[in-house]
Amino acid sequence: MIILRLALVAVISSTVAAQSASTTPLITYIFGDSLTEVGNNNYLQYSLARSDFPWYGIDFSGGQATGRFTNGRTIGDIISTKLGIPSPPPYLSLSRNDDAFLNGINYASGGAGILNETGLYFIQRLTFDDQINCFKKTKEVIRAKIGDRAANKHVNGAMYFIGLGSNDYVNNFLQPFMADGQQYTHDEFVELLTSTLDNQLTTIYKLGARKVIFHGLGPLGCIPSQRVKSKTGMCLKRVNEWVMEFNTRTKKLLEDLNKRLPGAKFAFADTYPAVLDLIDNPTRYGFKVANTSCCNVDTSVGGLCLPNSKMCKNRKDFVFWDAFHPSDSANQILADQLFSSLLSSSSSHSPAPAPKNIH
């Protein structure tokens, strides 16, 4: 997958270079689920996928819960800092005439999936289709503010981070009470996911997105909510095999889109190897525990760090904050690895060696 490795480096490098060469700030739009949410679900009155309560945010600036599903920062927050820009605000926090629409937005929503039926039992969440619709409305606001030509230039020049698919497994296909897991084989399900994603990414392209980084899935079979299903507490091998199949299919989809859509620079960020190594070798990175969560809430349904949860004494010892989400310290490690790989690759003029963790 050398082409996609180089494409990812090119997307980052060209965008940052363009920013340095002009006075126009770097604009980012973030689509995703609870791994990148910064508070959209706080504004959904009936959503059961929320983290606006203790002990979430205990290590975030101010020590208060913001709607981020971790004790501190998301990987998106850390990436924004590394890019030298503020972390984009949640879409639902903005009024229609807010000038913040011109500076990048986060549409991510806990419980969201590629499929609209994913996370249905959370009652309210912004599915990927909902998030795309929010982006469409964002472009309309931008057009009203600066005109059609400038709006098109604005969205063409922005960088788009997309990370979805985890909930389509954890809160859909792997749940025995959800229809998709009963109705489809995994081959059929991954075909449904990637064909739906094809249409969604094409829609984002038609709305003006050109530089897109899609974050692949990590080893979901190793997160605490899945390990608890194993009698031995080990990673679920079959789940990880399914995840790798999804990642492979998605890489191929992005290659096809780049060929099919003029000017498209869609790249795949493969976080699977880095996350797996962090889980398999936690002490190498300064952690002590990777098989259970700091909040000791390892259940396959629920699994959030509620106010009555018994939090671990040293949060920096744990890779996982709750049953699903990495801790602030783990997010820092993963973001650092992503950027070190990018920097080492962009400084080289030859396609080899490829970045260790970027595909």
Protein backbone atom coordinates (compact mmCIF):
# COMPACT_ATOMS: atom_id res chain seq x y z
CA MET A 1 0.00 0.00 0.00
CA ILE A 2 2.92 2.36 -0.80
CA ILE A 3 0.60 4.63 -2.81
CA LEU A 4 -1.69 5.29 0.15
CA ARG A 5 1.29 5.75 2.48
CA LEU A 6 2.68 8.44 0.22
CA ALA A 7 -0.78 9.92 -0.28
CA LEU A 8 -1.16 10.39 3.48
CA VAL A 9 2.20 12.13 3.73
CA ALA A 10 1.31 14.27 0.70
CA VAL A 11 -2.02 15.34 2.20
CA ILE A 12 -0.42 16.48 5.46
CA SER A 13 2.69 18.00 3.86
CA SER A 14 0.86 19.90 1.09
CA THR A 15 -1.73 21.29 3.49
CA VAL A 16 0.81 22.45 6.06
CA ALA A 17 3.05 23.85 3.32
CA ALA A 18 0.14 25.80 1.85
CA GLN A 19 -0.62 27.17 5.29
CA SER A 20 2.98 28.30 5.77
CA ALA A 21 3.05 29.99 2.36
CA SER A 22 -0.05 32.11 2.99
CA THR A 23 -1.84 33.99 5.71
CA THR A 24 -4.82 31.62 5.45
CA PRO A 25 -5.09 29.45 8.57
CA LEU A 26 -5.31 25.69 8.32
CA ILE A 27 -8.96 24.58 8.44
CA THR A 28 -9.95 21.11 9.61
CA TYR A 29 -13.30 19.32 9.61
CA ILE A 30 -13.65 16.25 11.82
CA PHE A 31 -16.20 13.47 11.31
CA GLY A 32 -16.34 10.57 13.71
CA ASP A 33 -17.64 8.83 16.81
CA SER A 34 -16.83 8.93 20.53
CA LEU A 35 -13.09 8.61 19.84
CA THR A 36 -13.10 12.14 18.42
CA GLU A 37 -16.26 13.73 19.86
CA VAL A 38 -15.79 17.03 21.70
CA GLY A 39 -19.35 17.59 22.92
CA ASN A 40 -22.01 17.35 20.20
CA ASN A 41 -24.06 14.82 22.15
CA ASN A 42 -24.31 17.27 25.05
CA TYR A 43 -26.81 19.12 22.86
CA LEU A 44 -28.91 16.04 22.09
CA GLN A 45 -31.46 15.98 24.93
CA TYR A 46 -32.34 12.29 24.72
CA SER A 47 -28.94 10.84 23.78
CA LEU A 48 -27.74 7.98 25.97
CA ALA A 49 -24.24 8.26 24.49
CA ARG A 50 -22.96 11.05 26.70
CA SER A 51 -19.89 11.80 28.77
CA ASP A 52 -20.74 15.20 30.24
CA PHE A 53 -20.32 13.99 33.82
CA PRO A 54 -17.47 13.02 36.20
CA TRP A 55 -15.03 11.42 35.89
CA TYR A 56 -14.69 12.32 32.24
CA GLY A 57 -12.49 15.36 31.68
CA ILE A 58 -10.70 15.07 35.02
CA ASP A 59 -7.34 15.55 33.25
CA PHE A 60 -8.63 18.00 30.62
CA SER A 61 -7.90 21.71 30.93
CA GLY A 62 -10.14 22.94 33.75
CA GLY A 63 -10.75 19.43 35.04
CA GLN A 64 -14.37 19.39 33.90
CA ALA A 65 -16.32 17.02 31.64
CA THR A 66 -16.74 18.47 28.14
CA GLY A 67 -18.37 15.58 26.30
CA ARG A 68 -15.05 13.96 25.38
CA PHE A 69 -15.11 10.21 26.07
CA THR A 70 -11.80 10.12 27.93
CA ASN A 71 -10.19 11.56 31.03
CA GLY A 72 -8.42 14.22 28.99
CA ARG A 73 -7.73 14.93 25.33
CA THR A 74 -8.77 13.02 22.25
CA ILE A 75 -6.26 12.18 19.52
CA GLY A 76 -7.97 14.91 17.49
CA ASP A 77 -7.20 17.50 20.18
CA ILE A 78 -3.55 16.48 20.19
CA ILE A 79 -3.31 16.49 16.39
CA SER A 80 -4.80 20.00 16.31
CA THR A 81 -2.14 21.19 18.75
CA LYS A 82 0.58 19.63 16.61
CA LEU A 83 -0.85 21.41 13.56
CA GLY A 84 -0.77 24.68 15.48
CA ILE A 85 -4.53 25.27 15.49
CA PRO A 86 -7.28 25.18 18.12
CA SER A 87 -9.33 22.00 18.37
CA PRO A 88 -12.48 22.67 16.29
CA PRO A 89 -15.67 23.23 18.30
CA PRO A 90 -18.67 20.86 18.25
CA TYR A 91 -21.08 21.71 15.42
CA LEU A 92 -24.16 21.74 17.66
CA SER A 93 -22.61 24.36 19.94
CA LEU A 94 -22.65 27.01 17.22
CA SER A 95 -25.38 29.47 16.28
CA ARG A 96 -26.11 29.76 12.57
CA ASN A 97 -24.32 33.11 12.15
CA ASP A 98 -21.30 32.19 14.23
CA ASP A 99 -17.99 33.19 12.60
CA ALA A 100 -16.53 29.94 13.97
CA PHE A 101 -18.04 28.24 10.91
CA LEU A 102 -15.09 29.67 8.98
CA ASN A 103 -12.46 28.11 11.22
CA GLY A 104 -13.22 24.37 11.16
CA ILE A 105 -15.81 22.23 12.93
CA ASN A 106 -16.05 18.90 14.72
CA TYR A 107 -19.16 16.86 13.78
CA ALA A 108 -18.18 13.69 15.67
CA SER A 109 -20.85 12.05 17.80
CA GLY A 110 -20.63 9.21 20.30
CA GLY A 111 -22.50 6.14 19.08
CA ALA A 112 -22.25 7.16 15.42
CA GLY A 113 -21.55 4.67 12.67
CA ILE A 114 -21.29 4.37 8.92
CA LEU A 115 -24.72 2.71 8.96
CA ASN A 116 -27.74 4.64 10.18
CA GLU A 117 -28.98 1.72 12.28
CA THR A 118 -25.72 1.54 14.23
CA GLY A 119 -26.10 2.69 17.84
CA LEU A 120 -29.87 2.86 17.49
CA TYR A 121 -30.35 2.13 21.19
CA PHE A 122 -28.56 5.36 22.11
CA ILE A 123 -31.76 7.07 20.88
CA GLN A 124 -30.00 10.22 19.65
CA ARG A 125 -26.64 10.56 17.91
CA LEU A 126 -25.35 12.08 14.70
CA THR A 127 -24.80 9.23 12.25
CA PHE A 128 -22.25 9.70 9.47
CA ASP A 129 -25.10 10.65 7.13
CA ASP A 130 -26.26 13.20 9.72
CA GLN A 131 -22.74 14.59 10.01
CA ILE A 132 -22.46 14.94 6.24
CA ASN A 133 -25.76 16.82 6.25
CA CYS A 134 -24.36 19.11 8.96
CA PHE A 135 -21.33 19.75 6.74
CA LYS A 136 -23.67 20.59 3.86
CA LYS A 137 -25.39 23.16 6.10
CA THR A 138 -21.98 24.45 7.14
CA LYS A 139 -21.07 25.12 3.52
CA GLU A 140 -24.36 26.99 3.07
CA VAL A 141 -23.48 29.23 6.01
CA ILE A 142 -19.98 29.81 4.66
CA ARG A 143 -21.41 30.63 1.22
CA ALA A 144 -23.75 33.18 2.76
CA LYS A 145 -20.83 34.80 4.58
CA ILE A 146 -18.14 34.96 1.90
CA GLY A 147 -19.80 34.11 -1.42
CA ASP A 148 -19.95 31.02 -3.60
CA ARG A 149 -16.48 31.19 -5.16
CA ALA A 150 -14.67 31.86 -1.88
CA ALA A 151 -16.73 29.16 -0.14
CA ASN A 152 -15.70 26.57 -2.72
CA LYS A 153 -12.05 27.56 -2.33
CA HIS A 154 -12.44 27.37 1.44
CA VAL A 155 -13.78 23.82 1.55
CA ASN A 156 -11.43 22.64 -1.23
CA GLY A 157 -8.42 23.78 0.78
CA ALA A 158 -9.50 22.33 4.12
CA MET A 159 -8.29 19.06 5.62
CA TYR A 160 -10.86 16.40 6.55
CA PHE A 161 -10.32 13.81 9.28
CA ILE A 162 -12.79 10.91 9.27
CA GLY A 163 -12.87 8.07 11.77
CA LEU A 164 -15.90 5.80 11.80
CA GLY A 165 -16.65 2.09 11.77
CA SER A 166 -15.91 1.03 15.36
CA ASN A 167 -19.54 1.36 16.43
CA ASP A 168 -20.70 -0.55 13.37
CA TYR A 169 -19.03 -3.51 15.03
CA VAL A 170 -19.17 -2.84 18.78
CA ASN A 171 -22.66 -1.34 18.82
CA ASN A 172 -24.19 -3.22 15.92
CA PHE A 173 -22.75 -6.36 14.30
CA LEU A 174 -21.29 -7.79 17.52
CA GLN A 175 -24.47 -7.24 19.55
CA PRO A 176 -26.73 -10.32 19.53
CA PHE A 177 -29.88 -8.21 19.85
CA MET A 178 -29.09 -6.10 16.75
CA ALA A 179 -30.54 -7.28 13.43
CA ASP A 180 -27.43 -6.82 11.27
CA GLY A 181 -25.47 -9.46 13.16
CA GLN A 182 -28.26 -11.96 12.59
CA GLN A 183 -29.11 -10.93 9.05
CA TYR A 184 -25.64 -10.80 7.46
CA THR A 185 -22.52 -12.92 7.31
CA HIS A 186 -19.40 -10.86 7.93
CA ASP A 187 -18.53 -10.88 4.22
CA GLU A 188 -21.96 -9.41 3.50
CA PHE A 189 -21.66 -6.94 6.35
CA VAL A 190 -18.27 -5.57 5.32
CA GLU A 191 -19.59 -5.22 1.76
CA LEU A 192 -22.53 -3.22 3.15
CA LEU A 193 -20.14 -1.02 5.16
CA THR A 194 -17.77 -0.26 2.30
CA SER A 195 -20.48 0.29 -0.32
CA THR A 196 -22.23 2.70 2.06
CA LEU A 197 -18.91 4.41 2.80
CA ASP A 198 -18.25 4.73 -0.93
CA ASN A 199 -21.45 6.73 -1.37
CA GLN A 200 -20.77 8.85 1.72
CA LEU A 201 -17.21 9.78 0.74
CA THR A 202 -18.36 10.56 -2.78
CA THR A 203 -20.99 12.91 -1.32
CA ILE A 204 -18.34 14.68 0.79
CA TYR A 205 -16.22 15.05 -2.34
CA LYS A 206 -19.14 16.59 -4.24
CA LEU A 207 -19.55 19.06 -1.38
CA GLY A 208 -15.96 20.15 -1.89
CA ALA A 209 -13.71 17.90 0.22
CA ARG A 210 -10.45 17.02 -1.51
CA LYS A 211 -7.86 16.26 1.19
CA VAL A 212 -9.29 13.48 3.34
CA ILE A 213 -7.59 11.28 5.93
CA PHE A 214 -9.62 8.23 6.94
CA HIS A 215 -8.55 6.66 10.23
CA GLY A 216 -8.74 2.88 10.08
CA LEU A 217 -10.03 0.74 12.92
CA GLY A 218 -7.84 -0.44 15.77
CA PRO A 219 -7.87 -3.99 17.19
CA LEU A 220 -11.42 -3.91 18.58
CA GLY A 221 -11.08 -7.49 19.80
CA CYS A 222 -8.60 -6.21 22.40
CA ILE A 223 -10.63 -3.41 23.97
CA PRO A 224 -11.93 -4.19 27.49
CA SER A 225 -15.58 -4.46 26.40
CA GLN A 226 -14.64 -7.31 24.05
CA ARG A 227 -12.03 -9.03 26.23
CA VAL A 228 -14.70 -9.51 28.90
CA LYS A 229 -16.44 -11.92 26.51
CA SER A 230 -13.38 -14.20 26.53
CA LYS A 231 -13.15 -16.86 29.24
CA THR A 232 -9.39 -16.27 29.38
CA GLY A 233 -9.52 -12.47 29.13
CA MET A 234 -7.56 -12.54 25.88
CA CYS A 235 -8.19 -10.57 22.70
CA LEU A 236 -10.97 -11.89 20.47
CA LYS A 237 -9.07 -13.14 17.42
CA ARG A 238 -12.10 -13.35 15.13
CA VAL A 239 -13.11 -9.74 15.83
CA ASN A 240 -9.61 -8.53 15.03
CA GLU A 241 -9.63 -10.53 11.80
CA TRP A 242 -12.89 -8.85 10.82
CA VAL A 243 -11.45 -5.44 11.61
CA MET A 244 -8.39 -6.10 9.46
CA GLU A 245 -10.66 -7.15 6.60
CA PHE A 246 -12.60 -3.88 6.94
CA ASN A 247 -9.34 -1.92 6.91
CA THR A 248 -8.10 -3.73 3.81
CA ARG A 249 -11.36 -3.13 1.98
CA THR A 250 -11.38 0.54 2.99
CA LYS A 251 -7.81 1.07 1.76
CA LYS A 252 -8.83 -0.36 -1.61
CA LEU A 253 -11.92 1.88 -1.65
CA LEU A 254 -9.79 5.00 -1.09
CA GLU A 255 -7.46 3.98 -3.90
CA ASP A 256 -10.45 3.57 -6.20
CA LEU A 257 -11.89 6.95 -5.18
CA ASN A 258 -8.58 8.67 -5.92
CA LYS A 259 -8.67 7.21 -9.43
CA ARG A 260 -12.34 7.97 -9.96
CA LEU A 261 -12.64 11.49 -8.52
CA PRO A 262 -10.51 14.24 -10.12
CA GLY A 263 -8.29 16.03 -7.60
CA ALA A 264 -9.18 13.68 -4.74
CA LYS A 265 -6.40 13.01 -2.21
CA PHE A 266 -7.98 10.40 0.04
CA ALA A 267 -5.52 8.69 2.36
CA PHE A 268 -5.75 5.89 4.91
CA ALA A 269 -4.16 6.18 8.36
CA ASP A 270 -3.59 2.66 9.66
CA THR A 271 -3.65 2.91 13.46
CA TYR A 272 -4.08 -0.84 13.96
CA PRO A 273 -0.37 -1.80 14.35
CA ALA A 274 0.38 1.06 16.76
CA VAL A 275 -2.63 0.37 18.98
CA LEU A 276 -1.95 -3.38 19.02
CA ASP A 277 1.68 -2.84 19.99
CA LEU A 278 0.60 -0.47 22.76
CA ILE A 279 -1.78 -3.13 24.09
CA ASP A 280 0.64 -6.04 23.69
CA ASN A 281 3.64 -4.17 25.13
CA PRO A 282 2.33 -1.51 27.51
CA THR A 283 5.50 -1.28 29.62
CA ARG A 284 7.45 -0.28 26.51
CA TYR A 285 5.43 2.93 26.51
CA GLY A 286 5.35 3.55 30.25
CA PHE A 287 2.03 1.84 31.02
CA LYS A 288 1.32 -0.98 33.44
CA VAL A 289 -2.20 -2.15 32.47
CA ALA A 290 -3.68 -2.70 28.99
CA ASN A 291 -6.22 -5.48 29.47
CA THR A 292 -8.70 -3.64 31.68
CA SER A 293 -9.89 -0.06 32.19
CA CYS A 294 -8.94 2.58 34.73
CA CYS A 295 -12.59 2.85 35.76
CA ASN A 296 -13.00 -0.92 36.08
CA VAL A 297 -16.18 -0.91 34.00
CA ASP A 298 -15.45 -3.73 31.57
CA THR A 299 -18.86 -4.69 30.26
CA SER A 300 -20.00 -5.26 26.69
CA VAL A 301 -23.01 -2.95 27.14
CA GLY A 302 -22.56 0.22 29.14
CA GLY A 303 -18.91 0.38 30.08
CA LEU A 304 -18.73 4.12 30.73
CA CYS A 305 -16.96 5.73 33.68
CA LEU A 306 -19.96 6.81 35.73
CA PRO A 307 -19.70 9.14 38.76
CA ASN A 308 -20.00 6.14 41.09
CA SER A 309 -17.23 4.21 39.32
CA LYS A 310 -14.13 3.37 41.33
CA MET A 311 -11.36 5.11 39.43
CA CYS A 312 -7.81 3.76 39.41
CA LYS A 313 -5.21 5.49 41.57
CA ASN A 314 -2.79 6.31 38.74
CA ARG A 315 -4.52 7.08 35.47
CA LYS A 316 -1.22 7.23 33.58
CA ASP A 317 -0.71 3.51 34.22
CA PHE A 318 -3.71 2.52 32.07
CA VAL A 319 -4.00 2.32 28.29
CA PHE A 320 -7.81 2.34 28.55
CA TRP A 321 -9.90 4.87 30.43
CA ASP A 322 -13.21 2.99 30.19
CA ALA A 323 -14.36 -0.17 28.43
CA PHE A 324 -14.05 1.40 24.98
CA HIS A 325 -11.83 4.47 24.95
CA PRO A 326 -8.09 5.08 25.38
CA SER A 327 -6.80 7.26 28.19
CA ASP A 328 -5.32 10.72 27.65
CA SER A 329 -1.81 9.25 28.03
CA ALA A 330 -2.50 6.56 25.43
CA ASN A 331 -3.94 9.14 23.03
CA GLN A 332 -0.73 11.16 23.42
CA ILE A 333 1.42 8.15 22.53
CA LEU A 334 -0.68 7.32 19.46
CA ALA A 335 -0.73 10.91 18.21
CA ASP A 336 3.03 11.19 18.70
CA GLN A 337 3.62 8.00 16.73
CA LEU A 338 1.41 9.19 13.90
CA PHE A 339 3.26 12.45 13.57
CA SER A 340 6.75 11.04 13.94
CA SER A 341 5.95 8.64 11.11
CA LEU A 342 4.69 11.49 8.96
CA LEU A 343 7.67 13.70 9.65
CA SER A 344 10.24 10.98 8.96
CA SER A 345 8.50 10.18 5.67
CA SER A 346 8.00 13.74 4.46
CA SER A 347 11.71 14.47 5.03
CA SER A 348 12.67 11.67 2.62
CA HIS A 349 12.48 12.05 -1.15
CA SER A 350 12.27 8.34 -1.83
CA PRO A 351 9.24 6.12 -1.25
CA ALA A 352 11.26 3.86 1.05
CA PRO A 353 11.38 3.36 3.89
CA ALA A 354 7.65 3.72 4.35
CA PRO A 355 6.23 5.14 7.59
CA LYS A 356 6.00 2.38 10.20
CA ASN A 357 2.36 2.85 11.15
CA ILE A 358 0.82 4.70 8.21
CA HIS A 359 -0.79 2.82 5.35
